[in-house]
Amino acid sequence: RKMHDTDPEIATSFLMDHAVALPEPGKLTPLFPPVDAIGPRCDLVSPALVAHAASARLSVHPWTADEPAEIGRLLALGVASITTNVPEIALAVRADSGDAQTSPGLPLLNRENL
């Protein structure tokens, strides 16, 4: 909250390592901070979670996916980004998914365009 108070343009995220109740669209949830995105542990990401997050206007940024099958699953769900320890594998999986520049919602980021 202090970051957002300092600069309202800074996007904030809620990292989670266990299932939590996401806010309903247009309603505040007392135990859920006001954020722009969620960062769930990768095994918590499901089609239902991605859909619920989208309805609450939250982007989804899972962590840490290192296995090609898991990276592919997350790309297919349309997450906004993926945290990984093996970026070369993630890039290869993304390229194999049919579009070397972007997969659903996942832009190619490098040092030049950060």
C-alpha atoms as a PDB file:
ATOM      1  CA  ARG A   1       0.000   0.000   0.000  1.00  0.00           C
ATOM      2  CA  LYS A   2       2.869   2.372   0.749  1.00  0.00           C
ATOM      3  CA  MET A   3       4.183   1.939  -2.812  1.00  0.00           C
ATOM      4  CA  HIS A   4       0.798   2.837  -4.268  1.00  0.00           C
ATOM      5  CA  ASP A   5       0.516   5.825  -1.938  1.00  0.00           C
ATOM      6  CA  THR A   6       3.950   6.980  -3.095  1.00  0.00           C
ATOM      7  CA  ASP A   7       3.068   6.664  -6.789  1.00  0.00           C
ATOM      8  CA  PRO A   8      -0.441   5.600  -7.857  1.00  0.00           C
ATOM      9  CA  GLU A   9       0.939   4.622 -11.289  1.00  0.00           C
ATOM     10  CA  ILE A  10       3.026   1.791  -9.794  1.00  0.00           C
ATOM     11  CA  ALA A  11       1.374  -1.556 -10.439  1.00  0.00           C
ATOM     12  CA  THR A  12       1.174  -3.791  -7.387  1.00  0.00           C
ATOM     13  CA  SER A  13       0.739  -7.522  -7.040  1.00  0.00           C
ATOM     14  CA  PHE A  14      -0.296  -9.966  -4.334  1.00  0.00           C
ATOM     15  CA  LEU A  15       1.961 -13.027  -4.187  1.00  0.00           C
ATOM     16  CA  MET A  16       0.361 -16.193  -2.885  1.00  0.00           C
ATOM     17  CA  ASP A  17       1.627 -19.649  -2.028  1.00  0.00           C
ATOM     18  CA  HIS A  18      -1.785 -21.066  -1.102  1.00  0.00           C
ATOM     19  CA  ALA A  19      -5.324 -20.624  -2.346  1.00  0.00           C
ATOM     20  CA  VAL A  20      -7.005 -17.378  -1.315  1.00  0.00           C
ATOM     21  CA  ALA A  21     -10.404 -15.876  -2.027  1.00  0.00           C
ATOM     22  CA  LEU A  22     -10.132 -13.318  -4.799  1.00  0.00           C
ATOM     23  CA  PRO A  23     -12.301 -10.221  -4.668  1.00  0.00           C
ATOM     24  CA  GLU A  24     -15.597 -10.260  -6.522  1.00  0.00           C
ATOM     25  CA  PRO A  25     -15.809  -7.762  -9.390  1.00  0.00           C
ATOM     26  CA  GLY A  26     -16.469  -4.297  -8.011  1.00  0.00           C
ATOM     27  CA  LYS A  27     -16.278  -5.389  -4.374  1.00  0.00           C
ATOM     28  CA  LEU A  28     -13.460  -5.136  -1.871  1.00  0.00           C
ATOM     29  CA  THR A  29     -12.489  -8.236   0.056  1.00  0.00           C
ATOM     30  CA  PRO A  30     -11.430  -7.386   3.635  1.00  0.00           C
ATOM     31  CA  LEU A  31      -8.463  -9.766   3.683  1.00  0.00           C
ATOM     32  CA  PHE A  32      -7.337  -9.081   0.109  1.00  0.00           C
ATOM     33  CA  PRO A  33      -5.283  -5.949  -0.518  1.00  0.00           C
ATOM     34  CA  PRO A  34      -6.196  -3.623  -3.382  1.00  0.00           C
ATOM     35  CA  VAL A  35      -3.759  -4.662  -6.137  1.00  0.00           C
ATOM     36  CA  ASP A  36      -3.462  -4.741  -9.932  1.00  0.00           C
ATOM     37  CA  ALA A  37      -2.299  -8.341 -10.252  1.00  0.00           C
ATOM     38  CA  ILE A  38      -1.877 -11.656  -8.495  1.00  0.00           C
ATOM     39  CA  GLY A  39       1.240 -13.803  -8.402  1.00  0.00           C
ATOM     40  CA  PRO A  40       0.168 -17.328  -7.494  1.00  0.00           C
ATOM     41  CA  ARG A  41       2.530 -20.267  -7.100  1.00  0.00           C
ATOM     42  CA  CYS A  42       2.355 -21.927 -10.526  1.00  0.00           C
ATOM     43  CA  ASP A  43       0.533 -25.065  -9.339  1.00  0.00           C
ATOM     44  CA  LEU A  44      -2.335 -22.890  -8.053  1.00  0.00           C
ATOM     45  CA  VAL A  45      -3.107 -21.532 -11.522  1.00  0.00           C
ATOM     46  CA  SER A  46      -6.227 -23.035 -13.086  1.00  0.00           C
ATOM     47  CA  PRO A  47      -8.666 -21.946 -15.786  1.00  0.00           C
ATOM     48  CA  ALA A  48     -11.088 -20.959 -13.021  1.00  0.00           C
ATOM     49  CA  LEU A  49      -8.465 -18.820 -11.261  1.00  0.00           C
ATOM     50  CA  VAL A  50      -7.487 -17.042 -14.492  1.00  0.00           C
ATOM     51  CA  ALA A  51     -11.155 -16.387 -15.326  1.00  0.00           C
ATOM     52  CA  HIS A  52     -11.947 -15.162 -11.813  1.00  0.00           C
ATOM     53  CA  ALA A  53      -8.888 -12.900 -11.805  1.00  0.00           C
ATOM     54  CA  ALA A  54      -9.892 -11.465 -15.184  1.00  0.00           C
ATOM     55  CA  SER A  55     -13.415 -10.760 -13.924  1.00  0.00           C
ATOM     56  CA  ALA A  56     -11.856  -8.916 -10.965  1.00  0.00           C
ATOM     57  CA  ARG A  57      -9.584  -7.023 -13.408  1.00  0.00           C
ATOM     58  CA  LEU A  58      -6.429  -8.663 -12.054  1.00  0.00           C
ATOM     59  CA  SER A  59      -3.641  -9.931 -14.289  1.00  0.00           C
ATOM     60  CA  VAL A  60      -2.019 -13.267 -13.386  1.00  0.00           C
ATOM     61  CA  HIS A  61       1.770 -13.664 -13.017  1.00  0.00           C
ATOM     62  CA  PRO A  62       2.604 -17.172 -11.733  1.00  0.00           C
ATOM     63  CA  TRP A  63       5.889 -18.226 -10.184  1.00  0.00           C
ATOM     64  CA  THR A  64       8.157 -20.335 -10.522  1.00  0.00           C
ATOM     65  CA  ALA A  65       7.592 -22.572 -13.558  1.00  0.00           C
ATOM     66  CA  ASP A  66      10.696 -24.411 -14.730  1.00  0.00           C
ATOM     67  CA  GLU A  67       9.308 -27.543 -16.412  1.00  0.00           C
ATOM     68  CA  PRO A  68       8.416 -27.244 -20.116  1.00  0.00           C
ATOM     69  CA  ALA A  69       5.008 -28.881 -19.636  1.00  0.00           C
ATOM     70  CA  GLU A  70       4.128 -26.483 -16.825  1.00  0.00           C
ATOM     71  CA  ILE A  71       5.297 -23.469 -18.827  1.00  0.00           C
ATOM     72  CA  GLY A  72       3.201 -24.641 -21.784  1.00  0.00           C
ATOM     73  CA  ARG A  73       0.152 -25.142 -19.565  1.00  0.00           C
ATOM     74  CA  LEU A  74       0.465 -21.607 -18.174  1.00  0.00           C
ATOM     75  CA  LEU A  75       0.935 -20.104 -21.633  1.00  0.00           C
ATOM     76  CA  ALA A  76      -2.186 -21.901 -22.845  1.00  0.00           C
ATOM     77  CA  LEU A  77      -4.141 -20.406 -19.945  1.00  0.00           C
ATOM     78  CA  GLY A  78      -3.153 -16.910 -21.066  1.00  0.00           C
ATOM     79  CA  VAL A  79      -1.254 -15.677 -18.023  1.00  0.00           C
ATOM     80  CA  ALA A  80       0.315 -12.219 -18.270  1.00  0.00           C
ATOM     81  CA  SER A  81       3.850 -13.395 -17.423  1.00  0.00           C
ATOM     82  CA  ILE A  82       5.744 -16.345 -15.977  1.00  0.00           C
ATOM     83  CA  THR A  83       8.586 -16.271 -13.471  1.00  0.00           C
ATOM     84  CA  THR A  84      11.143 -18.968 -14.263  1.00  0.00           C
ATOM     85  CA  ASN A  85      14.712 -19.983 -13.497  1.00  0.00           C
ATOM     86  CA  VAL A  86      15.126 -21.281 -17.054  1.00  0.00           C
ATOM     87  CA  PRO A  87      14.260 -18.440 -19.441  1.00  0.00           C
ATOM     88  CA  GLU A  88      15.849 -20.203 -22.413  1.00  0.00           C
ATOM     89  CA  ILE A  89      13.460 -23.132 -21.952  1.00  0.00           C
ATOM     90  CA  ALA A  90      10.482 -20.814 -21.444  1.00  0.00           C
ATOM     91  CA  LEU A  91      11.339 -18.940 -24.650  1.00  0.00           C
ATOM     92  CA  ALA A  92      11.660 -22.232 -26.548  1.00  0.00           C
ATOM     93  CA  VAL A  93       8.293 -23.444 -25.228  1.00  0.00           C
ATOM     94  CA  ARG A  94       6.714 -20.136 -26.200  1.00  0.00           C
ATOM     95  CA  ALA A  95       8.242 -20.324 -29.680  1.00  0.00           C
ATOM     96  CA  ASP A  96       6.942 -23.897 -30.065  1.00  0.00           C
ATOM     97  CA  SER A  97       3.471 -22.722 -29.064  1.00  0.00           C
ATOM     98  CA  GLY A  98       3.084 -21.100 -32.468  1.00  0.00           C
ATOM     99  CA  ASP A  99       4.078 -17.479 -32.030  1.00  0.00           C
ATOM    100  CA  ALA A 100       7.675 -16.542 -31.308  1.00  0.00           C
ATOM    101  CA  GLN A 101       6.800 -12.955 -30.386  1.00  0.00           C
ATOM    102  CA  THR A 102       3.870 -13.470 -28.070  1.00  0.00           C
ATOM    103  CA  SER A 103       1.703 -16.176 -26.641  1.00  0.00           C
ATOM    104  CA  PRO A 104      -1.712 -15.353 -25.164  1.00  0.00           C
ATOM    105  CA  GLY A 105      -1.021 -12.223 -23.147  1.00  0.00           C
ATOM    106  CA  LEU A 106       2.714 -12.892 -22.809  1.00  0.00           C
ATOM    107  CA  PRO A 107       4.993 -10.303 -24.454  1.00  0.00           C
ATOM    108  CA  LEU A 108       8.614 -10.909 -25.266  1.00  0.00           C
ATOM    109  CA  LEU A 109      10.593  -8.893 -22.739  1.00  0.00           C
ATOM    110  CA  ASN A 110      14.281  -8.232 -22.938  1.00  0.00           C
ATOM    111  CA  ARG A 111      16.661  -5.613 -21.639  1.00  0.00           C
ATOM    112  CA  GLU A 112      16.009  -3.309 -24.593  1.00  0.00           C
ATOM    113  CA  ASN A 113      12.267  -2.970 -23.996  1.00  0.00           C
ATOM    114  CA  LEU A 114      12.005  -3.131 -20.215  1.00  0.00           C
END
